[in-house]
């Protein structure tokens, strides 16, 4: 992949916080779609309270009061257990130092990587108890003229996946949770397979299982079953730690092409390519042995979580050009360009 010369495309300086007293920490992991003559990115915008030396602060949405609140914990408190700059434990429960919402950024020249402008208001802001810690990492699939958005809903009830939809990217209908905790990385296929909707999802790892990509089927986009494990980490490689899906798959003559993310045993995130069977997408045809994009640029190496590239947005042009939008170091949004042929070749290597 060739990175855009204009990278990073979106930074925290490009958007105002939703209320006084907060600061924008990150603009990352954009979903992508071509709509109305523009390229739209549905960007995860993370906000945080100003840092304090004596206290660790966190944000949460109080659904009963309908407002965002700031929590503070003394760093000297015996129940305070730091993890990293993104999270800490307090009294045995996880707290996040930022809270994310989803916001549209628009560009008439998105494929060249210039002039993205954020909408003034969030598209999807925490609104339910299941989103009290944020809405994260959207993916967009167009089916029969409507755009379906999956996103991670985070709260003290767990990490789940919710579904929303829109026809105009101005108003959004929420359809509730479609996967209970602990689930992430849900991408819906752009058409039915065997008369059923299909998605990828990624259950949380445990003492019994690795963090693997799974496949599920649904008659209505809401109720998902026929779960099958599809892609697992490979020990001793760049994807030894975990794998997870990226943007919705692209249909090709050779199979469903996907650019997925993976982390090694040290938590270094790269992107890889894979192909699955057109009629049985739960069956992987081939996967590449090497990353197609790995953190190398300064904005990918240092940030909120360094040494990380993570993509859940992809636009395919009629001429076979693929523009991959991705989050870099959990702080900014960037893009790289490649071709369908190059990614098919990478998946076969």
C-alpha atoms as a PDB file:
ATOM      1  CA  UNK A   1       0.000   0.000   0.000  1.00  0.00           C
ATOM      2  CA  UNK A   2       1.094   3.559  -0.670  1.00  0.00           C
ATOM      3  CA  UNK A   3       0.318   6.012   2.114  1.00  0.00           C
ATOM      4  CA  UNK A   4      -1.273   9.328   1.210  1.00  0.00           C
ATOM      5  CA  UNK A   5       1.202  12.188   1.177  1.00  0.00           C
ATOM      6  CA  UNK A   6      -1.409  14.209   3.087  1.00  0.00           C
ATOM      7  CA  UNK A   7      -1.449  11.827   6.074  1.00  0.00           C
ATOM      8  CA  UNK A   8      -2.659  12.126   8.717  1.00  0.00           C
ATOM      9  CA  UNK A   9      -5.988  13.149   7.226  1.00  0.00           C
ATOM     10  CA  UNK A  10      -7.848  13.896  10.474  1.00  0.00           C
ATOM     11  CA  UNK A  11      -6.351  14.860  13.809  1.00  0.00           C
ATOM     12  CA  UNK A  12      -7.823  15.970  17.153  1.00  0.00           C
ATOM     13  CA  UNK A  13      -7.265  19.583  16.112  1.00  0.00           C
ATOM     14  CA  UNK A  14      -9.879  19.193  13.364  1.00  0.00           C
ATOM     15  CA  UNK A  15     -12.934  18.840  15.615  1.00  0.00           C
ATOM     16  CA  UNK A  16     -14.279  20.723  18.611  1.00  0.00           C
ATOM     17  CA  UNK A  17     -15.222  18.889  21.824  1.00  0.00           C
ATOM     18  CA  UNK A  18     -18.904  18.325  22.489  1.00  0.00           C
ATOM     19  CA  UNK A  19     -18.851  20.446  25.645  1.00  0.00           C
ATOM     20  CA  UNK A  20     -16.662  22.875  27.525  1.00  0.00           C
ATOM     21  CA  UNK A  21     -14.163  21.329  29.884  1.00  0.00           C
ATOM     22  CA  UNK A  22     -13.331  18.422  27.576  1.00  0.00           C
ATOM     23  CA  UNK A  23     -10.599  17.971  25.007  1.00  0.00           C
ATOM     24  CA  UNK A  24     -10.493  15.820  21.890  1.00  0.00           C
ATOM     25  CA  UNK A  25      -7.908  13.107  22.398  1.00  0.00           C
ATOM     26  CA  UNK A  26      -8.224  11.133  19.158  1.00  0.00           C
ATOM     27  CA  UNK A  27      -9.917  10.940  15.751  1.00  0.00           C
ATOM     28  CA  UNK A  28      -9.427   7.358  14.679  1.00  0.00           C
ATOM     29  CA  UNK A  29     -10.654   4.140  13.029  1.00  0.00           C
ATOM     30  CA  UNK A  30     -12.970   5.607  10.369  1.00  0.00           C
ATOM     31  CA  UNK A  31     -15.602   3.663   8.481  1.00  0.00           C
ATOM     32  CA  UNK A  32     -15.814   4.822   4.868  1.00  0.00           C
ATOM     33  CA  UNK A  33     -18.415   5.089   2.126  1.00  0.00           C
ATOM     34  CA  UNK A  34     -18.984   6.975  -1.116  1.00  0.00           C
ATOM     35  CA  UNK A  35     -22.277   8.895  -0.884  1.00  0.00           C
ATOM     36  CA  UNK A  36     -23.844  11.798  -2.780  1.00  0.00           C
ATOM     37  CA  UNK A  37     -20.732  12.610  -4.770  1.00  0.00           C
ATOM     38  CA  UNK A  38     -18.606  12.721  -1.630  1.00  0.00           C
ATOM     39  CA  UNK A  39     -16.458  10.415   0.443  1.00  0.00           C
ATOM     40  CA  UNK A  40     -17.826  10.146   3.980  1.00  0.00           C
ATOM     41  CA  UNK A  41     -15.875   8.872   6.948  1.00  0.00           C
ATOM     42  CA  UNK A  42     -17.674   7.854  10.135  1.00  0.00           C
ATOM     43  CA  UNK A  43     -14.901   8.630  12.584  1.00  0.00           C
ATOM     44  CA  UNK A  44     -14.477   7.587  16.177  1.00  0.00           C
ATOM     45  CA  UNK A  45     -13.879  10.789  18.152  1.00  0.00           C
ATOM     46  CA  UNK A  46     -12.526  10.275  21.648  1.00  0.00           C
ATOM     47  CA  UNK A  47     -12.889  12.988  24.279  1.00  0.00           C
ATOM     48  CA  UNK A  48     -11.301  13.200  27.703  1.00  0.00           C
ATOM     49  CA  UNK A  49     -11.174  15.507  30.714  1.00  0.00           C
ATOM     50  CA  UNK A  50      -7.997  17.550  31.122  1.00  0.00           C
ATOM     51  CA  UNK A  51      -5.215  15.568  32.771  1.00  0.00           C
ATOM     52  CA  UNK A  52      -4.604  16.086  36.480  1.00  0.00           C
ATOM     53  CA  UNK A  53      -1.479  15.074  38.355  1.00  0.00           C
ATOM     54  CA  UNK A  54      -3.243  13.914  41.514  1.00  0.00           C
ATOM     55  CA  UNK A  55      -6.265  12.225  39.957  1.00  0.00           C
ATOM     56  CA  UNK A  56      -7.094   9.838  37.154  1.00  0.00           C
ATOM     57  CA  UNK A  57     -10.191  11.028  35.307  1.00  0.00           C
ATOM     58  CA  UNK A  58     -12.735   9.188  33.195  1.00  0.00           C
ATOM     59  CA  UNK A  59     -15.851  10.068  31.231  1.00  0.00           C
ATOM     60  CA  UNK A  60     -19.162   8.277  31.179  1.00  0.00           C
ATOM     61  CA  UNK A  61     -22.657   8.928  29.875  1.00  0.00           C
ATOM     62  CA  UNK A  62     -25.310   9.012  32.569  1.00  0.00           C
ATOM     63  CA  UNK A  63     -28.313   7.607  30.686  1.00  0.00           C
ATOM     64  CA  UNK A  64     -30.757   8.448  33.487  1.00  0.00           C
ATOM     65  CA  UNK A  65     -29.708  12.108  33.496  1.00  0.00           C
ATOM     66  CA  UNK A  66     -29.040  12.237  29.747  1.00  0.00           C
ATOM     67  CA  UNK A  67     -25.648  13.882  30.144  1.00  0.00           C
ATOM     68  CA  UNK A  68     -21.923  13.236  30.168  1.00  0.00           C
ATOM     69  CA  UNK A  69     -20.232  13.142  33.542  1.00  0.00           C
ATOM     70  CA  UNK A  70     -16.620  13.221  34.708  1.00  0.00           C
ATOM     71  CA  UNK A  71     -15.369  10.781  37.319  1.00  0.00           C
ATOM     72  CA  UNK A  72     -12.133  11.242  39.230  1.00  0.00           C
ATOM     73  CA  UNK A  73     -10.077   8.811  41.288  1.00  0.00           C
ATOM     74  CA  UNK A  74      -7.094   9.705  43.434  1.00  0.00           C
ATOM     75  CA  UNK A  75      -3.923   8.061  42.197  1.00  0.00           C
ATOM     76  CA  UNK A  76      -3.065   7.419  45.842  1.00  0.00           C
ATOM     77  CA  UNK A  77      -6.254   5.436  46.388  1.00  0.00           C
ATOM     78  CA  UNK A  78      -5.405   1.821  47.248  1.00  0.00           C
ATOM     79  CA  UNK A  79      -8.170   0.684  44.876  1.00  0.00           C
ATOM     80  CA  UNK A  80      -6.642   2.552  41.899  1.00  0.00           C
ATOM     81  CA  UNK A  81      -4.749   0.229  39.527  1.00  0.00           C
ATOM     82  CA  UNK A  82      -3.239   1.871  36.419  1.00  0.00           C
ATOM     83  CA  UNK A  83      -3.013  -0.108  33.160  1.00  0.00           C
ATOM     84  CA  UNK A  84      -1.922   2.384  30.471  1.00  0.00           C
ATOM     85  CA  UNK A  85      -2.880   5.863  29.295  1.00  0.00           C
ATOM     86  CA  UNK A  86      -6.192   4.550  27.921  1.00  0.00           C
ATOM     87  CA  UNK A  87      -7.603   2.789  30.976  1.00  0.00           C
ATOM     88  CA  UNK A  88      -7.299   1.893  34.632  1.00  0.00           C
ATOM     89  CA  UNK A  89      -9.040  -0.254  37.207  1.00  0.00           C
ATOM     90  CA  UNK A  90     -10.875   1.150  40.197  1.00  0.00           C
ATOM     91  CA  UNK A  91     -12.391  -1.194  42.765  1.00  0.00           C
ATOM     92  CA  UNK A  92     -11.928  -4.009  40.311  1.00  0.00           C
ATOM     93  CA  UNK A  93     -13.841  -2.331  37.451  1.00  0.00           C
ATOM     94  CA  UNK A  94     -12.388  -0.979  34.237  1.00  0.00           C
ATOM     95  CA  UNK A  95     -12.519   2.773  33.613  1.00  0.00           C
ATOM     96  CA  UNK A  96     -11.639   4.474  30.300  1.00  0.00           C
ATOM     97  CA  UNK A  97      -9.804   7.795  30.265  1.00  0.00           C
ATOM     98  CA  UNK A  98     -11.805   8.868  27.198  1.00  0.00           C
ATOM     99  CA  UNK A  99     -15.322   8.373  25.839  1.00  0.00           C
ATOM    100  CA  UNK A 100     -15.934   8.018  22.114  1.00  0.00           C
ATOM    101  CA  UNK A 101     -18.731   9.007  19.795  1.00  0.00           C
ATOM    102  CA  UNK A 102     -19.122   8.643  16.014  1.00  0.00           C
ATOM    103  CA  UNK A 103     -19.045  11.674  13.734  1.00  0.00           C
ATOM    104  CA  UNK A 104     -19.245  12.128   9.970  1.00  0.00           C
ATOM    105  CA  UNK A 105     -16.381  13.815   8.104  1.00  0.00           C
ATOM    106  CA  UNK A 106     -17.068  14.727   4.466  1.00  0.00           C
ATOM    107  CA  UNK A 107     -14.833  15.366   1.474  1.00  0.00           C
ATOM    108  CA  UNK A 108     -15.487  15.978  -2.215  1.00  0.00           C
ATOM    109  CA  UNK A 109     -11.896  14.832  -2.820  1.00  0.00           C
ATOM    110  CA  UNK A 110     -11.608  11.986  -0.341  1.00  0.00           C
ATOM    111  CA  UNK A 111      -9.759   9.686  -2.679  1.00  0.00           C
ATOM    112  CA  UNK A 112      -6.951  12.215  -2.919  1.00  0.00           C
ATOM    113  CA  UNK A 113      -6.997  12.673   0.827  1.00  0.00           C
ATOM    114  CA  UNK A 114      -7.751  16.366   1.118  1.00  0.00           C
ATOM    115  CA  UNK A 115     -10.347  18.640   2.696  1.00  0.00           C
ATOM    116  CA  UNK A 116     -12.284  16.409   5.075  1.00  0.00           C
ATOM    117  CA  UNK A 117     -14.598  18.490   7.227  1.00  0.00           C
ATOM    118  CA  UNK A 118     -16.410  17.211  10.316  1.00  0.00           C
ATOM    119  CA  UNK A 119     -20.134  17.698  10.742  1.00  0.00           C
ATOM    120  CA  UNK A 120     -20.784  20.065  13.649  1.00  0.00           C
ATOM    121  CA  UNK A 121     -22.733  17.469  15.646  1.00  0.00           C
ATOM    122  CA  UNK A 122     -22.143  13.776  16.387  1.00  0.00           C
ATOM    123  CA  UNK A 123     -23.859  11.179  14.234  1.00  0.00           C
ATOM    124  CA  UNK A 124     -24.099   8.587  17.022  1.00  0.00           C
ATOM    125  CA  UNK A 125     -23.473   9.719  20.581  1.00  0.00           C
ATOM    126  CA  UNK A 126     -23.901   7.524  23.678  1.00  0.00           C
ATOM    127  CA  UNK A 127     -27.614   7.347  24.453  1.00  0.00           C
ATOM    128  CA  UNK A 128     -28.312   4.114  26.327  1.00  0.00           C
ATOM    129  CA  UNK A 129     -26.905   2.320  29.387  1.00  0.00           C
ATOM    130  CA  UNK A 130     -25.143  -0.066  26.976  1.00  0.00           C
ATOM    131  CA  UNK A 131     -23.171   2.875  25.530  1.00  0.00           C
ATOM    132  CA  UNK A 132     -22.294   4.669  28.737  1.00  0.00           C
ATOM    133  CA  UNK A 133     -18.550   4.368  28.068  1.00  0.00           C
ATOM    134  CA  UNK A 134     -18.805   5.160  24.375  1.00  0.00           C
ATOM    135  CA  UNK A 135     -19.622   4.259  20.763  1.00  0.00           C
ATOM    136  CA  UNK A 136     -16.577   2.977  18.884  1.00  0.00           C
ATOM    137  CA  UNK A 137     -15.184   1.629  15.599  1.00  0.00           C
ATOM    138  CA  UNK A 138     -18.043   1.714  13.097  1.00  0.00           C
ATOM    139  CA  UNK A 139     -18.339  -0.280   9.885  1.00  0.00           C
ATOM    140  CA  UNK A 140     -20.735   0.623   7.063  1.00  0.00           C
ATOM    141  CA  UNK A 141     -22.491  -1.742   4.635  1.00  0.00           C
ATOM    142  CA  UNK A 142     -24.963  -0.630   1.972  1.00  0.00           C
ATOM    143  CA  UNK A 143     -27.803  -3.119   1.371  1.00  0.00           C
ATOM    144  CA  UNK A 144     -30.788  -2.337  -0.879  1.00  0.00           C
ATOM    145  CA  UNK A 145     -30.216   1.404  -0.754  1.00  0.00           C
ATOM    146  CA  UNK A 146     -29.900   1.665   3.028  1.00  0.00           C
ATOM    147  CA  UNK A 147     -26.637   1.975   4.952  1.00  0.00           C
ATOM    148  CA  UNK A 148     -26.233  -0.299   7.958  1.00  0.00           C
ATOM    149  CA  UNK A 149     -23.733   0.691  10.637  1.00  0.00           C
ATOM    150  CA  UNK A 150     -22.317  -1.702  13.192  1.00  0.00           C
ATOM    151  CA  UNK A 151     -20.406  -0.241  16.112  1.00  0.00           C
ATOM    152  CA  UNK A 152     -18.988  -1.259  19.458  1.00  0.00           C
ATOM    153  CA  UNK A 153     -21.114  -0.248  22.450  1.00  0.00           C
ATOM    154  CA  UNK A 154     -19.047  -0.026  25.637  1.00  0.00           C
ATOM    155  CA  UNK A 155     -20.381   0.195  29.188  1.00  0.00           C
ATOM    156  CA  UNK A 156     -20.066  -1.281  32.657  1.00  0.00           C
ATOM    157  CA  UNK A 157     -22.387  -4.003  31.291  1.00  0.00           C
ATOM    158  CA  UNK A 158     -19.689  -5.129  28.873  1.00  0.00           C
ATOM    159  CA  UNK A 159     -18.415  -4.611  25.327  1.00  0.00           C
ATOM    160  CA  UNK A 160     -21.219  -5.362  22.871  1.00  0.00           C
ATOM    161  CA  UNK A 161     -22.133  -4.593  19.256  1.00  0.00           C
ATOM    162  CA  UNK A 162     -25.028  -2.378  18.182  1.00  0.00           C
ATOM    163  CA  UNK A 163     -26.668  -1.691  14.832  1.00  0.00           C
ATOM    164  CA  UNK A 164     -27.878   1.584  13.342  1.00  0.00           C
ATOM    165  CA  UNK A 165     -28.966   2.569   9.839  1.00  0.00           C
ATOM    166  CA  UNK A 166     -29.421   5.641   7.675  1.00  0.00           C
ATOM    167  CA  UNK A 167     -30.418   6.688   4.180  1.00  0.00           C
ATOM    168  CA  UNK A 168     -28.876  10.156   4.201  1.00  0.00           C
ATOM    169  CA  UNK A 169     -26.122  10.280   6.883  1.00  0.00           C
ATOM    170  CA  UNK A 170     -28.065  13.090   8.562  1.00  0.00           C
ATOM    171  CA  UNK A 171     -30.543  11.084  10.627  1.00  0.00           C
ATOM    172  CA  UNK A 172     -29.851   7.656  12.084  1.00  0.00           C
ATOM    173  CA  UNK A 173     -32.153   4.903  13.323  1.00  0.00           C
ATOM    174  CA  UNK A 174     -30.891   2.726  16.164  1.00  0.00           C
ATOM    175  CA  UNK A 175     -31.756  -0.978  16.160  1.00  0.00           C
ATOM    176  CA  UNK A 176     -30.196  -1.962  19.494  1.00  0.00           C
ATOM    177  CA  UNK A 177     -27.655  -4.612  20.377  1.00  0.00           C
ATOM    178  CA  UNK A 178     -27.123  -7.452  17.916  1.00  0.00           C
ATOM    179  CA  UNK A 179     -24.267  -9.191  19.791  1.00  0.00           C
ATOM    180  CA  UNK A 180     -23.959  -9.344  23.590  1.00  0.00           C
ATOM    181  CA  UNK A 181     -20.695  -8.983  25.496  1.00  0.00           C
ATOM    182  CA  UNK A 182     -17.893  -9.673  24.876  1.00  0.00           C
ATOM    183  CA  UNK A 183     -17.945  -8.976  21.124  1.00  0.00           C
ATOM    184  CA  UNK A 184     -16.248  -6.562  18.727  1.00  0.00           C
ATOM    185  CA  UNK A 185     -15.356  -6.091  15.066  1.00  0.00           C
ATOM    186  CA  UNK A 186     -18.660  -6.895  13.348  1.00  0.00           C
ATOM    187  CA  UNK A 187     -18.696  -6.349   9.575  1.00  0.00           C
ATOM    188  CA  UNK A 188     -21.781  -7.219   7.514  1.00  0.00           C
ATOM    189  CA  UNK A 189     -21.369  -8.584   3.987  1.00  0.00           C
ATOM    190  CA  UNK A 190     -22.799  -6.383   1.185  1.00  0.00           C
ATOM    191  CA  UNK A 191     -25.196  -9.082  -0.083  1.00  0.00           C
ATOM    192  CA  UNK A 192     -26.908 -12.239   1.088  1.00  0.00           C
ATOM    193  CA  UNK A 193     -25.176 -15.595   0.731  1.00  0.00           C
ATOM    194  CA  UNK A 194     -27.456 -18.618   0.363  1.00  0.00           C
ATOM    195  CA  UNK A 195     -30.481 -16.455   1.174  1.00  0.00           C
ATOM    196  CA  UNK A 196     -29.035 -15.222   4.499  1.00  0.00           C
ATOM    197  CA  UNK A 197     -27.237 -12.116   5.663  1.00  0.00           C
ATOM    198  CA  UNK A 198     -23.658 -12.832   6.723  1.00  0.00           C
ATOM    199  CA  UNK A 199     -21.263 -11.087   9.063  1.00  0.00           C
ATOM    200  CA  UNK A 200     -17.859 -11.438  10.619  1.00  0.00           C
ATOM    201  CA  UNK A 201     -17.481 -10.993  14.365  1.00  0.00           C
ATOM    202  CA  UNK A 202     -14.776 -11.422  16.963  1.00  0.00           C
ATOM    203  CA  UNK A 203     -15.539 -12.894  20.400  1.00  0.00           C
ATOM    204  CA  UNK A 204     -13.206 -12.014  23.237  1.00  0.00           C
ATOM    205  CA  UNK A 205     -10.335 -14.348  24.015  1.00  0.00           C
ATOM    206  CA  UNK A 206     -10.345 -16.390  27.212  1.00  0.00           C
ATOM    207  CA  UNK A 207      -8.326 -19.098  28.915  1.00  0.00           C
ATOM    208  CA  UNK A 208      -9.964 -21.511  26.474  1.00  0.00           C
ATOM    209  CA  UNK A 209      -9.824 -19.631  23.164  1.00  0.00           C
ATOM    210  CA  UNK A 210      -7.771 -17.206  21.097  1.00  0.00           C
ATOM    211  CA  UNK A 211      -9.170 -13.944  19.711  1.00  0.00           C
ATOM    212  CA  UNK A 212     -10.383 -15.282  16.355  1.00  0.00           C
ATOM    213  CA  UNK A 213     -12.588 -14.081  13.500  1.00  0.00           C
ATOM    214  CA  UNK A 214     -15.944 -15.866  13.380  1.00  0.00           C
ATOM    215  CA  UNK A 215     -18.740 -15.957  10.789  1.00  0.00           C
ATOM    216  CA  UNK A 216     -22.479 -15.772  11.544  1.00  0.00           C
ATOM    217  CA  UNK A 217     -25.734 -15.774   9.525  1.00  0.00           C
ATOM    218  CA  UNK A 218     -29.023 -13.940   9.978  1.00  0.00           C
ATOM    219  CA  UNK A 219     -32.459 -13.795   8.332  1.00  0.00           C
ATOM    220  CA  UNK A 220     -33.084 -10.176   9.361  1.00  0.00           C
ATOM    221  CA  UNK A 221     -29.781  -8.467  10.380  1.00  0.00           C
ATOM    222  CA  UNK A 222     -30.890  -8.620  14.025  1.00  0.00           C
ATOM    223  CA  UNK A 223     -30.832 -12.283  15.056  1.00  0.00           C
ATOM    224  CA  UNK A 224     -27.517 -14.004  14.363  1.00  0.00           C
ATOM    225  CA  UNK A 225     -26.706 -17.712  14.450  1.00  0.00           C
ATOM    226  CA  UNK A 226     -24.859 -20.546  12.667  1.00  0.00           C
ATOM    227  CA  UNK A 227     -21.618 -19.290  14.193  1.00  0.00           C
ATOM    228  CA  UNK A 228     -18.384 -20.785  12.871  1.00  0.00           C
ATOM    229  CA  UNK A 229     -14.788 -19.976  13.742  1.00  0.00           C
ATOM    230  CA  UNK A 230     -13.111 -18.734  10.563  1.00  0.00           C
ATOM    231  CA  UNK A 231      -9.613 -17.305  11.109  1.00  0.00           C
ATOM    232  CA  UNK A 232      -7.280 -17.859  14.061  1.00  0.00           C
ATOM    233  CA  UNK A 233      -3.973 -16.261  15.104  1.00  0.00           C
ATOM    234  CA  UNK A 234      -0.775 -17.969  13.989  1.00  0.00           C
ATOM    235  CA  UNK A 235       1.778 -18.548  16.767  1.00  0.00           C
ATOM    236  CA  UNK A 236       5.180 -16.974  16.333  1.00  0.00           C
ATOM    237  CA  UNK A 237       4.104 -14.558  13.577  1.00  0.00           C
ATOM    238  CA  UNK A 238       2.996 -10.945  13.137  1.00  0.00           C
ATOM    239  CA  UNK A 239      -0.559 -12.169  13.937  1.00  0.00           C
ATOM    240  CA  UNK A 240       0.187 -14.321  16.958  1.00  0.00           C
ATOM    241  CA  UNK A 241      -1.795 -12.271  19.485  1.00  0.00           C
ATOM    242  CA  UNK A 242      -5.193 -11.715  17.866  1.00  0.00           C
ATOM    243  CA  UNK A 243      -7.019 -11.258  14.597  1.00  0.00           C
ATOM    244  CA  UNK A 244     -10.125  -9.211  13.843  1.00  0.00           C
ATOM    245  CA  UNK A 245     -12.082  -8.179  10.775  1.00  0.00           C
ATOM    246  CA  UNK A 246     -11.659  -4.887   8.964  1.00  0.00           C
ATOM    247  CA  UNK A 247     -14.064  -3.245   6.532  1.00  0.00           C
ATOM    248  CA  UNK A 248     -16.931  -5.257   4.991  1.00  0.00           C
ATOM    249  CA  UNK A 249     -15.663  -7.848   2.477  1.00  0.00           C
ATOM    250  CA  UNK A 250     -15.357  -7.148  -1.252  1.00  0.00           C
ATOM    251  CA  UNK A 251     -16.803  -9.680  -3.701  1.00  0.00           C
ATOM    252  CA  UNK A 252     -14.338 -10.812  -6.377  1.00  0.00           C
ATOM    253  CA  UNK A 253     -14.221 -13.655  -8.880  1.00  0.00           C
ATOM    254  CA  UNK A 254     -11.727 -15.430  -6.606  1.00  0.00           C
ATOM    255  CA  UNK A 255     -13.700 -15.071  -3.385  1.00  0.00           C
ATOM    256  CA  UNK A 256     -14.531 -12.561  -0.682  1.00  0.00           C
ATOM    257  CA  UNK A 257     -11.500 -10.302  -0.212  1.00  0.00           C
ATOM    258  CA  UNK A 258     -10.904  -8.829   3.230  1.00  0.00           C
ATOM    259  CA  UNK A 259      -8.239  -6.625   4.710  1.00  0.00           C
ATOM    260  CA  UNK A 260      -8.183  -7.575   8.371  1.00  0.00           C
ATOM    261  CA  UNK A 261      -6.154  -6.495  11.383  1.00  0.00           C
ATOM    262  CA  UNK A 262      -3.894  -8.576  13.575  1.00  0.00           C
ATOM    263  CA  UNK A 263      -1.570  -8.049  16.531  1.00  0.00           C
ATOM    264  CA  UNK A 264       1.557  -9.935  17.474  1.00  0.00           C
ATOM    265  CA  UNK A 265       2.526 -11.105  20.945  1.00  0.00           C
ATOM    266  CA  UNK A 266       3.767  -7.600  21.805  1.00  0.00           C
ATOM    267  CA  UNK A 267       0.566  -5.856  20.748  1.00  0.00           C
ATOM    268  CA  UNK A 268       1.915  -4.456  17.458  1.00  0.00           C
ATOM    269  CA  UNK A 269      -1.029  -4.058  15.048  1.00  0.00           C
ATOM    270  CA  UNK A 270      -0.716  -4.629  11.272  1.00  0.00           C
ATOM    271  CA  UNK A 271      -3.088  -5.259   8.378  1.00  0.00           C
ATOM    272  CA  UNK A 272      -3.311  -8.476   6.366  1.00  0.00           C
ATOM    273  CA  UNK A 273      -5.270  -9.856   3.389  1.00  0.00           C
ATOM    274  CA  UNK A 274      -7.424 -12.967   3.145  1.00  0.00           C
ATOM    275  CA  UNK A 275      -9.835 -14.642   0.712  1.00  0.00           C
ATOM    276  CA  UNK A 276     -12.862 -16.744   1.652  1.00  0.00           C
ATOM    277  CA  UNK A 277     -15.203 -18.925  -0.381  1.00  0.00           C
ATOM    278  CA  UNK A 278     -18.018 -17.057  -2.175  1.00  0.00           C
ATOM    279  CA  UNK A 279     -20.688 -19.619  -1.285  1.00  0.00           C
ATOM    280  CA  UNK A 280     -19.262 -20.657   2.094  1.00  0.00           C
ATOM    281  CA  UNK A 281     -17.642 -17.504   3.503  1.00  0.00           C
ATOM    282  CA  UNK A 282     -16.850 -19.290   6.737  1.00  0.00           C
ATOM    283  CA  UNK A 283     -14.181 -21.214   4.768  1.00  0.00           C
ATOM    284  CA  UNK A 284     -10.894 -19.373   4.204  1.00  0.00           C
ATOM    285  CA  UNK A 285      -9.387 -20.026   0.772  1.00  0.00           C
ATOM    286  CA  UNK A 286      -6.054 -18.372   1.530  1.00  0.00           C
ATOM    287  CA  UNK A 287      -4.428 -15.726   3.707  1.00  0.00           C
ATOM    288  CA  UNK A 288      -1.219 -13.796   3.211  1.00  0.00           C
ATOM    289  CA  UNK A 289       1.913 -14.660   5.108  1.00  0.00           C
ATOM    290  CA  UNK A 290       3.066 -11.051   5.498  1.00  0.00           C
ATOM    291  CA  UNK A 291       1.339  -7.783   6.448  1.00  0.00           C
ATOM    292  CA  UNK A 292       0.044  -5.513   3.695  1.00  0.00           C
ATOM    293  CA  UNK A 293       0.506  -2.468   5.960  1.00  0.00           C
ATOM    294  CA  UNK A 294       2.553  -2.236   9.148  1.00  0.00           C
ATOM    295  CA  UNK A 295       3.307   0.719  11.438  1.00  0.00           C
ATOM    296  CA  UNK A 296       6.293   2.627  10.092  1.00  0.00           C
ATOM    297  CA  UNK A 297       5.379   6.314   9.816  1.00  0.00           C
ATOM    298  CA  UNK A 298       5.867   8.540  12.846  1.00  0.00           C
ATOM    299  CA  UNK A 299       2.094   9.053  13.277  1.00  0.00           C
ATOM    300  CA  UNK A 300       1.686   5.242  13.365  1.00  0.00           C
ATOM    301  CA  UNK A 301       4.461   4.625  15.859  1.00  0.00           C
ATOM    302  CA  UNK A 302       3.610   7.199  18.540  1.00  0.00           C
ATOM    303  CA  UNK A 303       0.217   8.242  19.881  1.00  0.00           C
ATOM    304  CA  UNK A 304      -2.360   7.091  22.400  1.00  0.00           C
ATOM    305  CA  UNK A 305      -1.449   3.463  21.617  1.00  0.00           C
ATOM    306  CA  UNK A 306       1.687   3.338  19.515  1.00  0.00           C
ATOM    307  CA  UNK A 307       2.896   0.871  16.910  1.00  0.00           C
ATOM    308  CA  UNK A 308      -0.601   0.388  15.545  1.00  0.00           C
ATOM    309  CA  UNK A 309      -2.518   0.544  12.256  1.00  0.00           C
ATOM    310  CA  UNK A 310      -6.189  -0.496  12.384  1.00  0.00           C
ATOM    311  CA  UNK A 311      -8.656  -0.337   9.495  1.00  0.00           C
ATOM    312  CA  UNK A 312     -12.429  -0.645   9.374  1.00  0.00           C
ATOM    313  CA  UNK A 313     -13.006   1.557   6.305  1.00  0.00           C
ATOM    314  CA  UNK A 314     -12.413   0.794   2.631  1.00  0.00           C
ATOM    315  CA  UNK A 315     -13.625   2.255  -0.675  1.00  0.00           C
ATOM    316  CA  UNK A 316     -13.339   0.251  -3.897  1.00  0.00           C
ATOM    317  CA  UNK A 317     -13.390   2.137  -7.204  1.00  0.00           C
ATOM    318  CA  UNK A 318     -14.646   0.717 -10.492  1.00  0.00           C
ATOM    319  CA  UNK A 319     -11.102   0.679 -11.888  1.00  0.00           C
ATOM    320  CA  UNK A 320      -9.918  -1.647  -9.115  1.00  0.00           C
ATOM    321  CA  UNK A 321      -8.325   1.026  -6.935  1.00  0.00           C
ATOM    322  CA  UNK A 322      -8.768   0.407  -3.215  1.00  0.00           C
ATOM    323  CA  UNK A 323      -8.479   3.236  -0.717  1.00  0.00           C
ATOM    324  CA  UNK A 324      -7.961   1.955   2.796  1.00  0.00           C
ATOM    325  CA  UNK A 325      -8.774   4.367   5.604  1.00  0.00           C
ATOM    326  CA  UNK A 326      -7.234   3.491   8.941  1.00  0.00           C
ATOM    327  CA  UNK A 327      -6.534   4.639  12.465  1.00  0.00           C
ATOM    328  CA  UNK A 328      -2.893   5.245  13.353  1.00  0.00           C
ATOM    329  CA  UNK A 329      -1.538   4.847  16.888  1.00  0.00           C
ATOM    330  CA  UNK A 330      -5.113   5.173  18.226  1.00  0.00           C
ATOM    331  CA  UNK A 331      -4.864   8.934  17.682  1.00  0.00           C
ATOM    332  CA  UNK A 332      -5.351  10.041  14.054  1.00  0.00           C
ATOM    333  CA  UNK A 333      -6.945   8.890  10.801  1.00  0.00           C
ATOM    334  CA  UNK A 334      -4.901   8.170   7.699  1.00  0.00           C
ATOM    335  CA  UNK A 335      -5.271   6.465   4.313  1.00  0.00           C
ATOM    336  CA  UNK A 336      -3.319   4.348   1.864  1.00  0.00           C
ATOM    337  CA  UNK A 337      -4.021   3.281  -1.698  1.00  0.00           C
ATOM    338  CA  UNK A 338      -3.572  -0.080  -3.374  1.00  0.00           C
ATOM    339  CA  UNK A 339      -5.321  -2.149  -6.039  1.00  0.00           C
ATOM    340  CA  UNK A 340      -7.615  -5.129  -6.068  1.00  0.00           C
ATOM    341  CA  UNK A 341      -5.006  -7.130  -7.932  1.00  0.00           C
ATOM    342  CA  UNK A 342      -2.285  -6.307  -5.417  1.00  0.00           C
ATOM    343  CA  UNK A 343      -4.444  -7.381  -2.480  1.00  0.00           C
ATOM    344  CA  UNK A 344      -5.541 -10.596  -4.186  1.00  0.00           C
ATOM    345  CA  UNK A 345      -1.884 -11.389  -4.810  1.00  0.00           C
ATOM    346  CA  UNK A 346      -1.022 -10.555  -1.186  1.00  0.00           C
ATOM    347  CA  UNK A 347      -3.753 -12.893   0.084  1.00  0.00           C
ATOM    348  CA  UNK A 348      -2.334 -15.728  -2.019  1.00  0.00           C
ATOM    349  CA  UNK A 349       1.268 -15.264  -0.828  1.00  0.00           C
END
